[in-house]
């Protein structure tokens, strides 16, 4: 669960829900995360993290798999979070690929999250 980010050449950057801007929630029908904040007037403002959007993050942890760090990572394939019901059981049976390195990141803090959120204009 959470958000999976990619730099193009590396795609094992995970942002768990507790490290998103708060309060954030996942909208399964749209496949998007939303940060609910307030505008300057105090009204609710929903800010979406769209697929392919530039995101600024802070690295919290780097995990290196000592047993597999010498192996190349699996080929990066975009993951579709909206798995059809018929394929959900199959998805549960498929083991998660092992990566030589994983990064845990945070979107909490001023200036972090979708870069457009912080642009003046």
Foldseek 3Di string as FASTA:
>chain_A
DADWADPPQDTQEGEDCVQEAPPKDADLVVRWIWHWDADPVGHTDIDIQDPPFDWAKAWDDKDFDPVCLVPAFPDDDDDDPNDPPVCPVVVVVDDDGDHRMHTYIHQYDPCGTGNVVNDDD
